[in-house]
Amino acid sequence: MKGQAPTDRSRVPGWMRRFCPDHHVSSVSAIEPDTLLEAGIQAVLLDLDNTLVAWRGSELPNHTEEWVELCKRAGLRLCLVSNTRNLPRLKALSERLGIPYVRGRMKPAKDGFILALALVNTAPQHAVMVGDQLFTDILGANRVGMRSIWVERLHPKEFFGTKISRMAERLLLRTLRRAWEHTP
């Protein structure tokens, strides 16, 4: 990841570690495919809303499409893992990006992650989840033994339930940021 050290989980209280990402970056384009490959990553599971596109959006930022293509050219297997209820939009974006998607129970349930890992034929230790929410994307990835990268949300507009969880997320982030700031 461009200029980003891994999170020092030893500085995070035990019960909070389940919400702790391995890395934090500003956007998906800050994630370098070669760095993932060097770390033994073979597959990247991706959240959709506010990670790749704005919530309920269908316009992919140019940098997102370019990054997906870089990942594919590097040989990484990709899969969308989304909580969206809009299946036609998910299908359309999946087709546009040329990557598959899964729909299991809502994240952070393990089902969707396990389905995605099976679809990309990758063991959890060789996969990473990229998403904008600690309580869904990061927690879910940690629950199945995957690595995780937390990205800043693309847009402030989001689902009402997400706005509520963001309040708790802000409190959690205060502790997590201390760990990031003290990483050598």
N, C-alpha and C. Protein backbone atom coordinates (compact mmCIF):
# COMPACT_ATOMS: atom_id res chain seq x y z
N MET A 1 0.84 -1.16 0.00
CA MET A 1 0.00 0.00 0.00
C MET A 1 0.89 1.23 0.00
N LYS A 2 0.51 2.20 -0.78
CA LYS A 2 1.33 3.39 -0.94
C LYS A 2 1.49 4.13 0.38
N GLY A 3 2.71 4.08 0.92
CA GLY A 3 3.04 4.84 2.10
C GLY A 3 2.32 4.43 3.37
N GLN A 4 1.78 3.25 3.41
CA GLN A 4 0.98 2.85 4.58
C GLN A 4 1.60 1.61 5.21
N ALA A 5 1.96 1.74 6.48
CA ALA A 5 2.49 0.60 7.22
C ALA A 5 1.33 -0.26 7.70
N PRO A 6 1.60 -1.55 7.95
CA PRO A 6 0.52 -2.39 8.48
C PRO A 6 0.12 -1.94 9.88
N THR A 7 -1.10 -2.28 10.27
CA THR A 7 -1.59 -1.93 11.59
C THR A 7 -0.86 -2.75 12.64
N ASP A 8 -0.48 -2.11 13.74
CA ASP A 8 0.13 -2.80 14.87
C ASP A 8 -0.99 -3.24 15.80
N ARG A 9 -1.46 -4.46 15.61
CA ARG A 9 -2.59 -4.97 16.40
C ARG A 9 -2.24 -5.13 17.88
N SER A 10 -0.96 -5.24 18.21
CA SER A 10 -0.59 -5.43 19.62
C SER A 10 -0.95 -4.20 20.46
N ARG A 11 -1.14 -3.08 19.84
CA ARG A 11 -1.50 -1.85 20.56
C ARG A 11 -3.02 -1.68 20.69
N VAL A 12 -3.76 -2.60 20.10
CA VAL A 12 -5.22 -2.52 20.11
C VAL A 12 -5.74 -3.46 21.20
N PRO A 13 -6.64 -2.97 22.09
CA PRO A 13 -7.22 -3.87 23.11
C PRO A 13 -7.81 -5.12 22.46
N GLY A 14 -7.66 -6.26 23.15
CA GLY A 14 -8.04 -7.56 22.61
C GLY A 14 -9.41 -7.64 21.94
N TRP A 15 -10.45 -7.14 22.60
CA TRP A 15 -11.80 -7.26 22.05
C TRP A 15 -11.99 -6.41 20.80
N MET A 16 -11.14 -5.40 20.62
CA MET A 16 -11.27 -4.53 19.45
C MET A 16 -10.55 -5.07 18.22
N ARG A 17 -9.70 -6.05 18.42
CA ARG A 17 -8.89 -6.56 17.29
C ARG A 17 -9.74 -7.13 16.18
N ARG A 18 -10.92 -7.63 16.50
CA ARG A 18 -11.78 -8.22 15.48
C ARG A 18 -12.25 -7.17 14.46
N PHE A 19 -12.18 -5.89 14.83
CA PHE A 19 -12.59 -4.80 13.94
C PHE A 19 -11.38 -4.13 13.28
N CYS A 20 -10.20 -4.61 13.59
CA CYS A 20 -8.96 -3.96 13.17
C CYS A 20 -8.51 -4.45 11.78
N PRO A 21 -8.41 -3.55 10.82
CA PRO A 21 -7.92 -3.95 9.50
C PRO A 21 -6.41 -4.14 9.53
N ASP A 22 -5.91 -4.87 8.57
CA ASP A 22 -4.46 -5.03 8.45
C ASP A 22 -3.81 -3.78 7.89
N HIS A 23 -4.56 -3.08 7.05
CA HIS A 23 -4.06 -1.83 6.45
C HIS A 23 -5.21 -0.84 6.33
N HIS A 24 -4.84 0.41 6.22
CA HIS A 24 -5.81 1.49 5.99
C HIS A 24 -5.25 2.37 4.88
N VAL A 25 -6.06 2.61 3.84
CA VAL A 25 -5.64 3.45 2.72
C VAL A 25 -6.77 4.40 2.35
N SER A 26 -6.45 5.40 1.57
CA SER A 26 -7.45 6.40 1.19
C SER A 26 -8.45 5.87 0.16
N SER A 27 -7.99 5.04 -0.76
CA SER A 27 -8.88 4.50 -1.80
C SER A 27 -8.27 3.22 -2.37
N VAL A 28 -9.06 2.51 -3.16
CA VAL A 28 -8.56 1.27 -3.76
C VAL A 28 -7.34 1.52 -4.63
N SER A 29 -7.28 2.68 -5.27
CA SER A 29 -6.15 2.96 -6.16
C SER A 29 -4.82 3.09 -5.40
N ALA A 30 -4.88 3.21 -4.08
CA ALA A 30 -3.65 3.27 -3.28
C ALA A 30 -3.12 1.87 -2.97
N ILE A 31 -3.85 0.85 -3.35
CA ILE A 31 -3.44 -0.54 -3.12
C ILE A 31 -2.68 -1.02 -4.35
N GLU A 32 -1.44 -1.40 -4.17
CA GLU A 32 -0.62 -1.83 -5.29
C GLU A 32 -0.72 -3.34 -5.48
N PRO A 33 -1.18 -3.78 -6.65
CA PRO A 33 -1.31 -5.22 -6.90
C PRO A 33 -0.01 -5.99 -6.64
N ASP A 34 1.13 -5.43 -7.01
CA ASP A 34 2.40 -6.13 -6.80
C ASP A 34 2.68 -6.34 -5.32
N THR A 35 2.31 -5.36 -4.49
CA THR A 35 2.49 -5.49 -3.05
C THR A 35 1.62 -6.61 -2.50
N LEU A 36 0.40 -6.72 -3.01
CA LEU A 36 -0.48 -7.82 -2.59
C LEU A 36 0.14 -9.17 -2.96
N LEU A 37 0.61 -9.28 -4.18
CA LEU A 37 1.22 -10.54 -4.63
C LEU A 37 2.44 -10.89 -3.79
N GLU A 38 3.26 -9.91 -3.48
CA GLU A 38 4.45 -10.14 -2.65
C GLU A 38 4.07 -10.62 -1.26
N ALA A 39 2.89 -10.23 -0.78
CA ALA A 39 2.40 -10.64 0.54
C ALA A 39 1.69 -12.00 0.49
N GLY A 40 1.68 -12.64 -0.68
CA GLY A 40 1.05 -13.96 -0.80
C GLY A 40 -0.44 -13.91 -1.09
N ILE A 41 -0.95 -12.73 -1.45
CA ILE A 41 -2.36 -12.59 -1.77
C ILE A 41 -2.61 -13.07 -3.20
N GLN A 42 -3.63 -13.91 -3.36
CA GLN A 42 -4.01 -14.42 -4.67
C GLN A 42 -5.38 -13.89 -5.11
N ALA A 43 -6.19 -13.47 -4.13
CA ALA A 43 -7.55 -13.01 -4.45
C ALA A 43 -7.92 -11.79 -3.61
N VAL A 44 -8.72 -10.93 -4.23
CA VAL A 44 -9.19 -9.71 -3.57
C VAL A 44 -10.71 -9.72 -3.60
N LEU A 45 -11.32 -9.73 -2.41
CA LEU A 45 -12.76 -9.60 -2.31
C LEU A 45 -13.06 -8.13 -2.09
N LEU A 46 -14.07 -7.64 -2.78
CA LEU A 46 -14.34 -6.20 -2.79
C LEU A 46 -15.77 -5.87 -2.38
N ASP A 47 -15.88 -4.93 -1.48
CA ASP A 47 -17.17 -4.32 -1.17
C ASP A 47 -17.54 -3.43 -2.35
N LEU A 48 -18.79 -3.11 -2.49
CA LEU A 48 -19.24 -2.29 -3.61
C LEU A 48 -19.51 -0.85 -3.19
N ASP A 49 -20.56 -0.64 -2.39
CA ASP A 49 -21.00 0.72 -2.06
C ASP A 49 -20.02 1.45 -1.16
N ASN A 50 -19.62 2.62 -1.63
CA ASN A 50 -18.68 3.53 -0.97
C ASN A 50 -17.27 2.98 -0.88
N THR A 51 -17.02 1.85 -1.56
CA THR A 51 -15.67 1.35 -1.74
C THR A 51 -15.28 1.51 -3.21
N LEU A 52 -16.12 0.98 -4.11
CA LEU A 52 -15.86 1.10 -5.55
C LEU A 52 -16.72 2.16 -6.22
N VAL A 53 -17.95 2.32 -5.74
CA VAL A 53 -18.89 3.33 -6.27
C VAL A 53 -19.57 4.02 -5.09
N ALA A 54 -20.13 5.19 -5.35
CA ALA A 54 -20.91 5.87 -4.32
C ALA A 54 -22.13 5.01 -3.99
N TRP A 55 -22.65 5.14 -2.77
CA TRP A 55 -23.82 4.38 -2.35
C TRP A 55 -24.95 4.57 -3.35
N ARG A 56 -25.53 3.48 -3.78
CA ARG A 56 -26.58 3.41 -4.80
C ARG A 56 -26.13 3.91 -6.17
N GLY A 57 -24.86 4.18 -6.32
CA GLY A 57 -24.34 4.70 -7.58
C GLY A 57 -24.03 3.60 -8.56
N SER A 58 -23.90 3.99 -9.81
CA SER A 58 -23.50 3.05 -10.83
C SER A 58 -22.37 3.61 -11.69
N GLU A 59 -21.92 4.81 -11.36
CA GLU A 59 -20.79 5.42 -12.06
C GLU A 59 -19.50 5.03 -11.38
N LEU A 60 -18.68 4.28 -12.08
CA LEU A 60 -17.38 3.87 -11.54
C LEU A 60 -16.35 4.97 -11.78
N PRO A 61 -15.67 5.42 -10.74
CA PRO A 61 -14.59 6.39 -10.96
C PRO A 61 -13.53 5.76 -11.87
N ASN A 62 -12.91 6.58 -12.71
CA ASN A 62 -11.89 6.07 -13.63
C ASN A 62 -10.79 5.33 -12.89
N HIS A 63 -10.36 5.88 -11.75
CA HIS A 63 -9.27 5.24 -11.02
C HIS A 63 -9.67 3.85 -10.53
N THR A 64 -10.95 3.65 -10.26
CA THR A 64 -11.41 2.33 -9.81
C THR A 64 -11.33 1.32 -10.93
N GLU A 65 -11.84 1.68 -12.09
CA GLU A 65 -11.78 0.76 -13.24
C GLU A 65 -10.34 0.44 -13.61
N GLU A 66 -9.48 1.45 -13.59
CA GLU A 66 -8.07 1.24 -13.91
C GLU A 66 -7.42 0.30 -12.89
N TRP A 67 -7.75 0.49 -11.61
CA TRP A 67 -7.18 -0.36 -10.56
C TRP A 67 -7.64 -1.80 -10.72
N VAL A 68 -8.91 -2.02 -11.01
CA VAL A 68 -9.42 -3.38 -11.22
C VAL A 68 -8.67 -4.04 -12.38
N GLU A 69 -8.45 -3.31 -13.45
CA GLU A 69 -7.72 -3.87 -14.60
C GLU A 69 -6.27 -4.20 -14.23
N LEU A 70 -5.62 -3.34 -13.44
CA LEU A 70 -4.26 -3.62 -12.98
C LEU A 70 -4.22 -4.91 -12.16
N CYS A 71 -5.20 -5.08 -11.29
CA CYS A 71 -5.26 -6.29 -10.47
C CYS A 71 -5.42 -7.53 -11.34
N LYS A 72 -6.31 -7.45 -12.31
CA LYS A 72 -6.54 -8.60 -13.18
C LYS A 72 -5.29 -8.92 -14.00
N ARG A 73 -4.63 -7.89 -14.53
CA ARG A 73 -3.40 -8.11 -15.30
C ARG A 73 -2.29 -8.71 -14.43
N ALA A 74 -2.29 -8.37 -13.14
CA ALA A 74 -1.28 -8.92 -12.22
C ALA A 74 -1.57 -10.37 -11.86
N GLY A 75 -2.77 -10.85 -12.21
CA GLY A 75 -3.13 -12.23 -11.94
C GLY A 75 -3.94 -12.44 -10.67
N LEU A 76 -4.37 -11.35 -10.07
CA LEU A 76 -5.22 -11.47 -8.88
C LEU A 76 -6.63 -11.83 -9.30
N ARG A 77 -7.27 -12.71 -8.53
CA ARG A 77 -8.66 -13.07 -8.76
C ARG A 77 -9.52 -12.14 -7.91
N LEU A 78 -10.57 -11.59 -8.50
CA LEU A 78 -11.42 -10.61 -7.82
C LEU A 78 -12.84 -11.12 -7.72
N CYS A 79 -13.54 -10.66 -6.66
CA CYS A 79 -14.94 -11.00 -6.48
C CYS A 79 -15.62 -9.92 -5.64
N LEU A 80 -16.80 -9.51 -6.05
CA LEU A 80 -17.59 -8.55 -5.27
C LEU A 80 -18.35 -9.28 -4.18
N VAL A 81 -18.32 -8.72 -2.97
CA VAL A 81 -19.08 -9.23 -1.83
C VAL A 81 -19.83 -8.02 -1.28
N SER A 82 -21.11 -7.94 -1.58
CA SER A 82 -21.87 -6.72 -1.28
C SER A 82 -23.13 -7.01 -0.48
N ASN A 83 -23.52 -6.05 0.35
CA ASN A 83 -24.78 -6.12 1.07
C ASN A 83 -25.91 -5.41 0.33
N THR A 84 -25.65 -4.96 -0.89
CA THR A 84 -26.69 -4.23 -1.61
C THR A 84 -27.92 -5.11 -1.83
N ARG A 85 -29.06 -4.50 -1.77
CA ARG A 85 -30.31 -5.22 -2.04
C ARG A 85 -30.72 -5.06 -3.52
N ASN A 86 -29.96 -4.25 -4.25
CA ASN A 86 -30.26 -3.97 -5.64
C ASN A 86 -29.47 -4.94 -6.53
N LEU A 87 -30.02 -6.14 -6.71
CA LEU A 87 -29.33 -7.17 -7.47
C LEU A 87 -29.07 -6.78 -8.93
N PRO A 88 -30.01 -6.13 -9.63
CA PRO A 88 -29.71 -5.73 -11.01
C PRO A 88 -28.49 -4.78 -11.11
N ARG A 89 -28.37 -3.87 -10.16
CA ARG A 89 -27.21 -2.94 -10.16
C ARG A 89 -25.93 -3.72 -9.88
N LEU A 90 -25.97 -4.65 -8.92
CA LEU A 90 -24.80 -5.46 -8.60
C LEU A 90 -24.37 -6.27 -9.82
N LYS A 91 -25.33 -6.89 -10.50
CA LYS A 91 -25.03 -7.67 -11.71
C LYS A 91 -24.41 -6.79 -12.79
N ALA A 92 -24.99 -5.61 -13.01
CA ALA A 92 -24.50 -4.70 -14.05
C ALA A 92 -23.07 -4.26 -13.76
N LEU A 93 -22.78 -3.91 -12.51
CA LEU A 93 -21.42 -3.48 -12.16
C LEU A 93 -20.44 -4.65 -12.24
N SER A 94 -20.90 -5.83 -11.86
CA SER A 94 -20.07 -7.02 -11.97
C SER A 94 -19.69 -7.27 -13.43
N GLU A 95 -20.66 -7.17 -14.32
CA GLU A 95 -20.40 -7.36 -15.75
C GLU A 95 -19.49 -6.28 -16.30
N ARG A 96 -19.73 -5.05 -15.90
CA ARG A 96 -18.90 -3.94 -16.40
C ARG A 96 -17.44 -4.10 -15.98
N LEU A 97 -17.23 -4.55 -14.73
CA LEU A 97 -15.87 -4.73 -14.24
C LEU A 97 -15.26 -6.06 -14.69
N GLY A 98 -16.12 -6.98 -15.13
CA GLY A 98 -15.64 -8.28 -15.57
C GLY A 98 -15.19 -9.16 -14.41
N ILE A 99 -15.87 -9.01 -13.26
CA ILE A 99 -15.55 -9.84 -12.10
C ILE A 99 -16.85 -10.39 -11.51
N PRO A 100 -16.80 -11.57 -10.92
CA PRO A 100 -18.01 -12.18 -10.37
C PRO A 100 -18.43 -11.52 -9.06
N TYR A 101 -19.62 -11.88 -8.62
CA TYR A 101 -20.14 -11.39 -7.34
C TYR A 101 -20.79 -12.55 -6.61
N VAL A 102 -20.96 -12.39 -5.31
CA VAL A 102 -21.71 -13.35 -4.51
C VAL A 102 -22.71 -12.60 -3.65
N ARG A 103 -23.76 -13.31 -3.30
CA ARG A 103 -24.76 -12.80 -2.35
C ARG A 103 -25.01 -13.90 -1.34
N GLY A 104 -24.53 -13.69 -0.15
CA GLY A 104 -24.81 -14.62 0.95
C GLY A 104 -25.61 -13.84 1.97
N ARG A 105 -25.60 -14.32 3.21
CA ARG A 105 -26.22 -13.51 4.25
C ARG A 105 -25.43 -12.21 4.36
N MET A 106 -26.03 -11.22 4.93
CA MET A 106 -25.40 -9.90 5.02
C MET A 106 -24.10 -9.94 5.82
N LYS A 107 -23.11 -9.21 5.34
CA LYS A 107 -21.85 -9.06 6.08
C LYS A 107 -22.17 -8.39 7.41
N PRO A 108 -21.56 -8.81 8.48
CA PRO A 108 -20.33 -9.57 8.61
C PRO A 108 -20.51 -11.09 8.71
N ALA A 109 -21.68 -11.62 8.38
CA ALA A 109 -21.84 -13.08 8.38
C ALA A 109 -20.78 -13.71 7.48
N LYS A 110 -20.35 -14.88 7.84
CA LYS A 110 -19.27 -15.55 7.11
C LYS A 110 -19.69 -16.05 5.73
N ASP A 111 -20.98 -16.32 5.53
CA ASP A 111 -21.47 -16.99 4.31
C ASP A 111 -20.95 -16.37 3.01
N GLY A 112 -21.13 -15.07 2.85
CA GLY A 112 -20.73 -14.42 1.60
C GLY A 112 -19.23 -14.51 1.36
N PHE A 113 -18.46 -14.38 2.41
CA PHE A 113 -17.01 -14.48 2.29
C PHE A 113 -16.61 -15.90 1.87
N ILE A 114 -17.22 -16.90 2.50
CA ILE A 114 -16.91 -18.29 2.18
C ILE A 114 -17.31 -18.62 0.74
N LEU A 115 -18.48 -18.14 0.32
CA LEU A 115 -18.91 -18.35 -1.08
C LEU A 115 -17.92 -17.70 -2.05
N ALA A 116 -17.50 -16.48 -1.74
CA ALA A 116 -16.57 -15.77 -2.62
C ALA A 116 -15.22 -16.48 -2.68
N LEU A 117 -14.73 -16.93 -1.53
CA LEU A 117 -13.45 -17.66 -1.52
C LEU A 117 -13.54 -18.93 -2.36
N ALA A 118 -14.66 -19.62 -2.28
CA ALA A 118 -14.85 -20.83 -3.09
C ALA A 118 -14.90 -20.47 -4.58
N LEU A 119 -15.58 -19.37 -4.90
CA LEU A 119 -15.71 -18.95 -6.29
C LEU A 119 -14.36 -18.61 -6.90
N VAL A 120 -13.48 -17.98 -6.12
CA VAL A 120 -12.15 -17.61 -6.64
C VAL A 120 -11.10 -18.67 -6.30
N ASN A 121 -11.58 -19.80 -5.70
CA ASN A 121 -10.72 -20.94 -5.41
C ASN A 121 -9.46 -20.53 -4.64
N THR A 122 -9.68 -19.86 -3.51
CA THR A 122 -8.57 -19.34 -2.72
C THR A 122 -8.83 -19.58 -1.23
N ALA A 123 -7.80 -19.97 -0.52
CA ALA A 123 -7.88 -20.15 0.93
C ALA A 123 -7.89 -18.78 1.60
N PRO A 124 -8.54 -18.64 2.76
CA PRO A 124 -8.63 -17.35 3.43
C PRO A 124 -7.28 -16.66 3.64
N GLN A 125 -6.25 -17.42 3.98
CA GLN A 125 -4.94 -16.80 4.25
C GLN A 125 -4.28 -16.21 3.01
N HIS A 126 -4.83 -16.51 1.83
CA HIS A 126 -4.28 -15.97 0.58
C HIS A 126 -5.22 -14.96 -0.06
N ALA A 127 -6.15 -14.44 0.75
CA ALA A 127 -7.12 -13.47 0.23
C ALA A 127 -7.16 -12.24 1.13
N VAL A 128 -7.65 -11.16 0.57
CA VAL A 128 -7.82 -9.92 1.32
C VAL A 128 -9.19 -9.34 0.98
N MET A 129 -9.85 -8.77 1.97
CA MET A 129 -11.12 -8.07 1.77
C MET A 129 -10.83 -6.58 1.78
N VAL A 130 -11.39 -5.86 0.82
CA VAL A 130 -11.23 -4.41 0.74
C VAL A 130 -12.61 -3.79 0.91
N GLY A 131 -12.76 -2.94 1.91
CA GLY A 131 -14.06 -2.33 2.15
C GLY A 131 -13.97 -1.09 3.02
N ASP A 132 -15.08 -0.36 3.08
CA ASP A 132 -15.10 0.93 3.78
C ASP A 132 -15.72 0.86 5.18
N GLN A 133 -16.20 -0.29 5.61
CA GLN A 133 -16.86 -0.37 6.92
C GLN A 133 -16.20 -1.39 7.84
N LEU A 134 -15.86 -0.93 9.02
CA LEU A 134 -15.22 -1.80 10.01
C LEU A 134 -16.16 -2.88 10.51
N PHE A 135 -17.46 -2.54 10.68
CA PHE A 135 -18.40 -3.47 11.29
C PHE A 135 -18.98 -4.49 10.32
N THR A 136 -18.73 -4.35 9.04
CA THR A 136 -19.21 -5.34 8.08
C THR A 136 -18.03 -5.96 7.32
N ASP A 137 -17.32 -5.15 6.56
CA ASP A 137 -16.24 -5.65 5.70
C ASP A 137 -15.06 -6.19 6.50
N ILE A 138 -14.57 -5.41 7.43
CA ILE A 138 -13.36 -5.78 8.17
C ILE A 138 -13.67 -6.88 9.18
N LEU A 139 -14.73 -6.72 9.94
CA LEU A 139 -15.12 -7.76 10.91
C LEU A 139 -15.37 -9.09 10.20
N GLY A 140 -16.09 -9.06 9.11
CA GLY A 140 -16.38 -10.30 8.37
C GLY A 140 -15.12 -10.98 7.87
N ALA A 141 -14.21 -10.20 7.32
CA ALA A 141 -12.94 -10.77 6.83
C ALA A 141 -12.15 -11.37 7.98
N ASN A 142 -12.06 -10.66 9.09
CA ASN A 142 -11.33 -11.17 10.25
C ASN A 142 -11.96 -12.45 10.78
N ARG A 143 -13.27 -12.55 10.72
CA ARG A 143 -13.97 -13.74 11.22
C ARG A 143 -13.62 -15.00 10.43
N VAL A 144 -13.31 -14.85 9.13
CA VAL A 144 -12.98 -16.03 8.32
C VAL A 144 -11.47 -16.21 8.15
N GLY A 145 -10.67 -15.37 8.80
CA GLY A 145 -9.22 -15.53 8.75
C GLY A 145 -8.55 -14.92 7.54
N MET A 146 -9.23 -13.95 6.93
CA MET A 146 -8.64 -13.23 5.80
C MET A 146 -7.93 -11.98 6.28
N ARG A 147 -7.08 -11.45 5.45
CA ARG A 147 -6.53 -10.13 5.72
C ARG A 147 -7.54 -9.10 5.24
N SER A 148 -7.36 -7.86 5.70
CA SER A 148 -8.34 -6.83 5.34
C SER A 148 -7.68 -5.48 5.14
N ILE A 149 -8.26 -4.71 4.22
CA ILE A 149 -7.82 -3.34 3.96
C ILE A 149 -9.04 -2.45 4.06
N TRP A 150 -8.97 -1.50 4.96
CA TRP A 150 -10.05 -0.54 5.15
C TRP A 150 -9.75 0.70 4.31
N VAL A 151 -10.70 1.09 3.47
CA VAL A 151 -10.55 2.29 2.64
C VAL A 151 -11.51 3.37 3.12
N GLU A 152 -11.14 4.61 2.89
CA GLU A 152 -12.02 5.73 3.21
C GLU A 152 -13.25 5.64 2.29
N ARG A 153 -14.40 5.96 2.83
CA ARG A 153 -15.61 5.90 2.00
C ARG A 153 -15.53 6.93 0.89
N LEU A 154 -16.11 6.58 -0.24
CA LEU A 154 -16.07 7.45 -1.42
C LEU A 154 -16.95 8.69 -1.28
N HIS A 155 -18.07 8.54 -0.59
CA HIS A 155 -19.05 9.62 -0.57
C HIS A 155 -19.76 9.61 0.78
N PRO A 156 -20.13 10.79 1.31
CA PRO A 156 -20.81 10.82 2.62
C PRO A 156 -22.24 10.28 2.61
N LYS A 157 -22.88 10.21 1.45
CA LYS A 157 -24.25 9.71 1.37
C LYS A 157 -24.24 8.20 1.56
N GLU A 158 -25.08 7.70 2.50
CA GLU A 158 -25.15 6.26 2.72
C GLU A 158 -26.48 5.86 3.35
N PHE A 159 -26.69 4.57 3.43
CA PHE A 159 -27.87 3.98 4.02
C PHE A 159 -28.02 4.44 5.46
N PHE A 160 -29.26 4.62 5.91
CA PHE A 160 -29.53 5.11 7.27
C PHE A 160 -28.86 4.24 8.34
N GLY A 161 -28.98 2.93 8.21
CA GLY A 161 -28.36 2.02 9.17
C GLY A 161 -26.85 2.17 9.22
N THR A 162 -26.24 2.44 8.07
CA THR A 162 -24.80 2.65 8.02
C THR A 162 -24.42 3.92 8.76
N LYS A 163 -25.25 4.95 8.64
CA LYS A 163 -24.97 6.20 9.34
C LYS A 163 -24.92 5.97 10.85
N ILE A 164 -25.80 5.11 11.36
CA ILE A 164 -25.80 4.80 12.79
C ILE A 164 -24.52 4.05 13.17
N SER A 165 -24.15 3.05 12.38
CA SER A 165 -22.94 2.29 12.71
C SER A 165 -21.69 3.15 12.57
N ARG A 166 -21.73 4.18 11.73
CA ARG A 166 -20.57 5.08 11.58
C ARG A 166 -20.29 5.84 12.89
N MET A 167 -21.32 6.11 13.68
CA MET A 167 -21.09 6.78 14.96
C MET A 167 -20.24 5.90 15.87
N ALA A 168 -20.58 4.63 15.96
CA ALA A 168 -19.78 3.70 16.77
C ALA A 168 -18.40 3.49 16.14
N GLU A 169 -18.36 3.48 14.83
CA GLU A 169 -17.10 3.31 14.12
C GLU A 169 -16.14 4.45 14.45
N ARG A 170 -16.64 5.68 14.53
CA ARG A 170 -15.78 6.83 14.86
C ARG A 170 -15.13 6.66 16.23
N LEU A 171 -15.87 6.14 17.20
CA LEU A 171 -15.31 5.90 18.52
C LEU A 171 -14.22 4.83 18.46
N LEU A 172 -14.49 3.77 17.76
CA LEU A 172 -13.52 2.69 17.59
C LEU A 172 -12.26 3.20 16.88
N LEU A 173 -12.46 4.04 15.90
CA LEU A 173 -11.32 4.54 15.11
C LEU A 173 -10.33 5.34 15.94
N ARG A 174 -10.79 5.99 16.99
CA ARG A 174 -9.86 6.74 17.84
C ARG A 174 -8.78 5.82 18.38
N THR A 175 -9.17 4.64 18.84
CA THR A 175 -8.20 3.68 19.36
C THR A 175 -7.36 3.09 18.23
N LEU A 176 -8.01 2.75 17.12
CA LEU A 176 -7.27 2.15 16.01
C LEU A 176 -6.25 3.12 15.44
N ARG A 177 -6.59 4.39 15.35
CA ARG A 177 -5.64 5.38 14.80
C ARG A 177 -4.39 5.47 15.65
N ARG A 178 -4.53 5.32 16.97
CA ARG A 178 -3.35 5.33 17.83
C ARG A 178 -2.41 4.18 17.44
N ALA A 179 -2.98 3.03 17.13
CA ALA A 179 -2.16 1.88 16.71
C ALA A 179 -1.46 2.19 15.38
N TRP A 180 -2.19 2.81 14.46
CA TRP A 180 -1.59 3.14 13.16
C TRP A 180 -0.49 4.18 13.32
N GLU A 181 -0.69 5.15 14.20
CA GLU A 181 0.30 6.22 14.40
C GLU A 181 1.55 5.71 15.07
N HIS A 182 1.48 4.64 15.84
CA HIS A 182 2.63 4.13 16.57
C HIS A 182 3.28 2.94 15.90
N THR A 183 2.89 2.68 14.67
CA THR A 183 3.52 1.57 13.94
C THR A 183 4.88 2.02 13.44
N PRO A 184 5.93 1.23 13.71
CA PRO A 184 7.28 1.62 13.28
C PRO A 184 7.42 1.66 11.77
